[in-house]
Amino acid sequence: MYVGVVEFDVLLGDVHSLKEKRSLVRPVVAELRRRFEVAAAEAGHRDLHRRALIGVSCVAADHDQVVVVLDRCERLVAARPEFELLSARHRMLGPEDE
């Protein structure tokens, strides 16, 4: 079993409130869950209205499958015009990790 995690640090465009931020971040989190069958959530920068940290995790029997799914998630987030992807930090756990 392999578990992959990626954290997306994003800068939001013309956002002036936490309510506006949520209206941009929630649909992206929902789309990640729906399209890729991953666990996804806003995981940080919750009190900043122009920054968001979105966490995504994926579990699969094959290492390559986890990499493919997380790469697709990254492309989706990077393609959103309302987001500027500042960084994407990937982590992987596999059977050799204890």
N, C-alpha and C. Protein backbone atom coordinates (compact mmCIF):
# COMPACT_ATOMS: atom_id res chain seq x y z
N MET A 1 0.84 -1.18 0.00
CA MET A 1 0.00 0.00 0.00
C MET A 1 0.88 1.23 0.00
N TYR A 2 0.52 2.22 -0.80
CA TYR A 2 1.24 3.49 -0.89
C TYR A 2 0.28 4.63 -0.55
N VAL A 3 0.77 5.58 0.20
CA VAL A 3 0.01 6.76 0.56
C VAL A 3 0.80 7.97 0.09
N GLY A 4 0.16 8.79 -0.73
CA GLY A 4 0.79 10.00 -1.22
C GLY A 4 0.03 11.21 -0.72
N VAL A 5 0.80 12.25 -0.40
CA VAL A 5 0.22 13.50 0.10
C VAL A 5 0.86 14.66 -0.65
N VAL A 6 0.05 15.63 -0.99
CA VAL A 6 0.58 16.86 -1.58
C VAL A 6 -0.11 18.04 -0.92
N GLU A 7 0.68 19.08 -0.64
CA GLU A 7 0.16 20.33 -0.09
C GLU A 7 0.35 21.42 -1.13
N PHE A 8 -0.73 22.07 -1.48
CA PHE A 8 -0.68 23.18 -2.44
C PHE A 8 -0.78 24.50 -1.68
N ASP A 9 0.23 25.31 -1.78
CA ASP A 9 0.20 26.65 -1.21
C ASP A 9 -0.18 27.59 -2.35
N VAL A 10 -1.35 28.21 -2.23
CA VAL A 10 -1.85 29.05 -3.32
C VAL A 10 -2.10 30.48 -2.85
N LEU A 11 -1.89 31.38 -3.78
CA LEU A 11 -2.20 32.80 -3.59
C LEU A 11 -3.46 33.09 -4.39
N LEU A 12 -4.42 33.70 -3.74
CA LEU A 12 -5.69 34.01 -4.38
C LEU A 12 -5.64 35.42 -4.95
N GLY A 13 -6.38 35.63 -6.02
CA GLY A 13 -6.39 36.91 -6.70
C GLY A 13 -7.07 38.01 -5.89
N ASP A 14 -8.03 38.65 -6.48
CA ASP A 14 -8.71 39.80 -5.91
C ASP A 14 -9.74 39.35 -4.88
N VAL A 15 -9.27 39.00 -3.68
CA VAL A 15 -10.11 38.50 -2.61
C VAL A 15 -9.98 39.45 -1.42
N HIS A 16 -11.11 39.87 -0.86
CA HIS A 16 -11.08 40.86 0.22
C HIS A 16 -11.67 40.36 1.53
N SER A 17 -12.12 39.11 1.57
CA SER A 17 -12.69 38.59 2.81
C SER A 17 -12.52 37.08 2.86
N LEU A 18 -12.68 36.54 4.05
CA LEU A 18 -12.62 35.09 4.21
C LEU A 18 -13.80 34.41 3.52
N LYS A 19 -14.93 35.10 3.45
CA LYS A 19 -16.10 34.56 2.76
C LYS A 19 -15.82 34.41 1.27
N GLU A 20 -15.21 35.41 0.66
CA GLU A 20 -14.83 35.32 -0.75
C GLU A 20 -13.82 34.19 -0.96
N LYS A 21 -12.86 34.08 -0.04
CA LYS A 21 -11.86 33.02 -0.13
C LYS A 21 -12.54 31.65 -0.14
N ARG A 22 -13.44 31.43 0.80
CA ARG A 22 -14.14 30.14 0.87
C ARG A 22 -14.91 29.85 -0.41
N SER A 23 -15.48 30.90 -1.02
CA SER A 23 -16.26 30.70 -2.24
C SER A 23 -15.38 30.28 -3.42
N LEU A 24 -14.07 30.51 -3.34
CA LEU A 24 -13.14 30.05 -4.37
C LEU A 24 -12.52 28.70 -4.04
N VAL A 25 -12.21 28.49 -2.77
CA VAL A 25 -11.48 27.28 -2.37
C VAL A 25 -12.40 26.06 -2.30
N ARG A 26 -13.59 26.22 -1.75
CA ARG A 26 -14.50 25.07 -1.59
C ARG A 26 -14.81 24.34 -2.90
N PRO A 27 -15.12 25.05 -3.99
CA PRO A 27 -15.40 24.33 -5.24
C PRO A 27 -14.19 23.54 -5.76
N VAL A 28 -13.00 24.05 -5.56
CA VAL A 28 -11.80 23.35 -6.02
C VAL A 28 -11.59 22.09 -5.19
N VAL A 29 -11.75 22.19 -3.89
CA VAL A 29 -11.62 21.02 -3.02
C VAL A 29 -12.67 19.97 -3.40
N ALA A 30 -13.89 20.40 -3.65
CA ALA A 30 -14.95 19.46 -4.05
C ALA A 30 -14.65 18.82 -5.40
N GLU A 31 -14.10 19.58 -6.33
CA GLU A 31 -13.77 19.03 -7.64
C GLU A 31 -12.63 18.01 -7.54
N LEU A 32 -11.63 18.29 -6.71
CA LEU A 32 -10.55 17.33 -6.50
C LEU A 32 -11.10 16.01 -5.96
N ARG A 33 -11.98 16.10 -4.98
CA ARG A 33 -12.58 14.90 -4.40
C ARG A 33 -13.38 14.11 -5.43
N ARG A 34 -14.18 14.83 -6.19
CA ARG A 34 -15.09 14.19 -7.14
C ARG A 34 -14.34 13.58 -8.33
N ARG A 35 -13.45 14.34 -8.93
CA ARG A 35 -12.78 13.89 -10.15
C ARG A 35 -11.73 12.81 -9.91
N PHE A 36 -11.03 12.89 -8.77
CA PHE A 36 -9.89 11.99 -8.57
C PHE A 36 -10.07 11.01 -7.41
N GLU A 37 -11.21 11.06 -6.74
CA GLU A 37 -11.49 10.18 -5.60
C GLU A 37 -10.37 10.21 -4.57
N VAL A 38 -10.00 11.41 -4.15
CA VAL A 38 -8.97 11.63 -3.14
C VAL A 38 -9.60 12.30 -1.93
N ALA A 39 -8.85 12.32 -0.85
CA ALA A 39 -9.24 13.12 0.31
C ALA A 39 -8.62 14.50 0.11
N ALA A 40 -9.40 15.55 0.26
CA ALA A 40 -8.90 16.91 0.04
C ALA A 40 -9.57 17.85 1.04
N ALA A 41 -8.81 18.85 1.48
CA ALA A 41 -9.35 19.83 2.43
C ALA A 41 -8.49 21.08 2.44
N GLU A 42 -9.10 22.19 2.83
CA GLU A 42 -8.31 23.37 3.13
C GLU A 42 -7.61 23.09 4.45
N ALA A 43 -6.30 23.11 4.45
CA ALA A 43 -5.54 22.60 5.59
C ALA A 43 -4.67 23.65 6.27
N GLY A 44 -4.69 24.86 5.79
CA GLY A 44 -3.85 25.87 6.42
C GLY A 44 -4.14 27.26 5.89
N HIS A 45 -3.50 28.24 6.50
CA HIS A 45 -3.71 29.67 6.16
C HIS A 45 -5.19 30.03 6.26
N ARG A 46 -5.87 29.41 7.19
CA ARG A 46 -7.32 29.60 7.29
C ARG A 46 -7.72 31.02 7.70
N ASP A 47 -6.82 31.75 8.34
CA ASP A 47 -7.16 33.11 8.78
C ASP A 47 -6.65 34.19 7.82
N LEU A 48 -6.00 33.79 6.73
CA LEU A 48 -5.53 34.74 5.72
C LEU A 48 -6.48 34.71 4.54
N HIS A 49 -6.91 35.88 4.08
CA HIS A 49 -7.92 35.87 3.03
C HIS A 49 -7.34 35.76 1.62
N ARG A 50 -6.02 35.92 1.43
CA ARG A 50 -5.46 35.79 0.08
C ARG A 50 -4.55 34.58 -0.09
N ARG A 51 -4.44 33.74 0.94
CA ARG A 51 -3.62 32.52 0.87
C ARG A 51 -4.45 31.33 1.29
N ALA A 52 -4.12 30.18 0.72
CA ALA A 52 -4.78 28.94 1.12
C ALA A 52 -3.77 27.80 1.01
N LEU A 53 -3.89 26.86 1.90
CA LEU A 53 -3.11 25.63 1.85
C LEU A 53 -4.12 24.50 1.67
N ILE A 54 -4.04 23.83 0.54
CA ILE A 54 -4.96 22.74 0.22
C ILE A 54 -4.19 21.44 0.31
N GLY A 55 -4.68 20.52 1.13
CA GLY A 55 -4.04 19.22 1.28
C GLY A 55 -4.83 18.15 0.55
N VAL A 56 -4.08 17.26 -0.12
CA VAL A 56 -4.70 16.17 -0.87
C VAL A 56 -3.94 14.88 -0.53
N SER A 57 -4.68 13.79 -0.31
CA SER A 57 -4.03 12.50 -0.07
C SER A 57 -4.70 11.44 -0.93
N CYS A 58 -3.88 10.43 -1.27
CA CYS A 58 -4.33 9.35 -2.13
C CYS A 58 -3.71 8.05 -1.63
N VAL A 59 -4.50 6.97 -1.65
CA VAL A 59 -4.02 5.65 -1.25
C VAL A 59 -4.24 4.71 -2.43
N ALA A 60 -3.20 3.90 -2.76
CA ALA A 60 -3.32 2.92 -3.84
C ALA A 60 -2.34 1.79 -3.61
N ALA A 61 -2.54 0.71 -4.30
CA ALA A 61 -1.66 -0.45 -4.18
C ALA A 61 -0.38 -0.25 -4.97
N ASP A 62 -0.37 0.69 -5.91
CA ASP A 62 0.75 0.89 -6.81
C ASP A 62 1.33 2.30 -6.64
N HIS A 63 2.62 2.40 -6.46
CA HIS A 63 3.31 3.69 -6.31
C HIS A 63 3.03 4.61 -7.49
N ASP A 64 3.15 4.08 -8.71
CA ASP A 64 2.97 4.90 -9.90
C ASP A 64 1.56 5.47 -10.01
N GLN A 65 0.56 4.71 -9.56
CA GLN A 65 -0.82 5.21 -9.59
C GLN A 65 -0.98 6.42 -8.67
N VAL A 66 -0.38 6.37 -7.50
CA VAL A 66 -0.44 7.50 -6.57
C VAL A 66 0.20 8.73 -7.21
N VAL A 67 1.35 8.55 -7.83
CA VAL A 67 2.06 9.67 -8.47
C VAL A 67 1.21 10.28 -9.58
N VAL A 68 0.59 9.44 -10.40
CA VAL A 68 -0.24 9.93 -11.51
C VAL A 68 -1.41 10.73 -10.98
N VAL A 69 -2.10 10.23 -9.97
CA VAL A 69 -3.28 10.93 -9.43
C VAL A 69 -2.87 12.27 -8.82
N LEU A 70 -1.80 12.30 -8.03
CA LEU A 70 -1.39 13.55 -7.40
C LEU A 70 -0.88 14.56 -8.43
N ASP A 71 -0.24 14.10 -9.48
CA ASP A 71 0.19 15.00 -10.56
C ASP A 71 -1.02 15.61 -11.27
N ARG A 72 -2.06 14.81 -11.47
CA ARG A 72 -3.28 15.34 -12.09
C ARG A 72 -3.95 16.38 -11.19
N CYS A 73 -3.93 16.12 -9.90
CA CYS A 73 -4.47 17.09 -8.94
C CYS A 73 -3.69 18.40 -9.02
N GLU A 74 -2.38 18.29 -9.10
CA GLU A 74 -1.54 19.50 -9.19
C GLU A 74 -1.84 20.28 -10.46
N ARG A 75 -2.01 19.60 -11.57
CA ARG A 75 -2.33 20.29 -12.83
C ARG A 75 -3.67 21.01 -12.73
N LEU A 76 -4.65 20.38 -12.08
CA LEU A 76 -5.96 21.01 -11.92
C LEU A 76 -5.84 22.30 -11.12
N VAL A 77 -5.14 22.24 -9.99
CA VAL A 77 -4.99 23.43 -9.14
C VAL A 77 -4.20 24.52 -9.88
N ALA A 78 -3.13 24.13 -10.57
CA ALA A 78 -2.30 25.11 -11.28
C ALA A 78 -3.05 25.77 -12.43
N ALA A 79 -4.02 25.08 -13.00
CA ALA A 79 -4.76 25.62 -14.15
C ALA A 79 -5.87 26.58 -13.74
N ARG A 80 -6.19 26.66 -12.46
CA ARG A 80 -7.26 27.55 -12.04
C ARG A 80 -6.81 29.00 -12.18
N PRO A 81 -7.55 29.82 -12.94
CA PRO A 81 -7.11 31.21 -13.17
C PRO A 81 -7.16 32.09 -11.91
N GLU A 82 -8.00 31.72 -10.94
CA GLU A 82 -8.11 32.53 -9.73
C GLU A 82 -7.01 32.22 -8.71
N PHE A 83 -6.20 31.18 -8.97
CA PHE A 83 -5.12 30.77 -8.07
C PHE A 83 -3.77 31.00 -8.72
N GLU A 84 -2.80 31.35 -7.89
CA GLU A 84 -1.40 31.30 -8.29
C GLU A 84 -0.76 30.23 -7.41
N LEU A 85 -0.32 29.14 -8.01
CA LEU A 85 0.28 28.05 -7.26
C LEU A 85 1.69 28.44 -6.86
N LEU A 86 1.90 28.66 -5.55
CA LEU A 86 3.21 29.07 -5.05
C LEU A 86 4.14 27.89 -4.85
N SER A 87 3.59 26.77 -4.35
CA SER A 87 4.40 25.56 -4.17
C SER A 87 3.50 24.35 -4.06
N ALA A 88 4.09 23.20 -4.37
CA ALA A 88 3.42 21.91 -4.20
C ALA A 88 4.44 20.98 -3.55
N ARG A 89 4.16 20.57 -2.33
CA ARG A 89 5.07 19.70 -1.58
C ARG A 89 4.50 18.29 -1.55
N HIS A 90 5.25 17.35 -2.13
CA HIS A 90 4.81 15.96 -2.23
C HIS A 90 5.51 15.11 -1.17
N ARG A 91 4.78 14.13 -0.63
CA ARG A 91 5.34 13.13 0.29
C ARG A 91 4.74 11.78 -0.07
N MET A 92 5.54 10.72 0.14
CA MET A 92 5.07 9.38 -0.17
C MET A 92 5.49 8.43 0.94
N LEU A 93 4.55 7.57 1.32
CA LEU A 93 4.82 6.50 2.27
C LEU A 93 4.52 5.18 1.59
N GLY A 94 5.41 4.21 1.77
CA GLY A 94 5.21 2.92 1.14
C GLY A 94 5.48 1.79 2.12
N PRO A 95 5.47 0.56 1.63
CA PRO A 95 5.65 -0.60 2.51
C PRO A 95 7.01 -0.64 3.21
N GLU A 96 8.00 0.00 2.64
CA GLU A 96 9.32 0.00 3.27
C GLU A 96 9.44 1.02 4.40
N ASP A 97 8.48 1.94 4.50
CA ASP A 97 8.48 2.94 5.58
C ASP A 97 7.82 2.35 6.82
N GLU A 98 8.41 2.61 7.96
CA GLU A 98 7.81 2.11 9.20
C GLU A 98 7.56 3.22 10.16
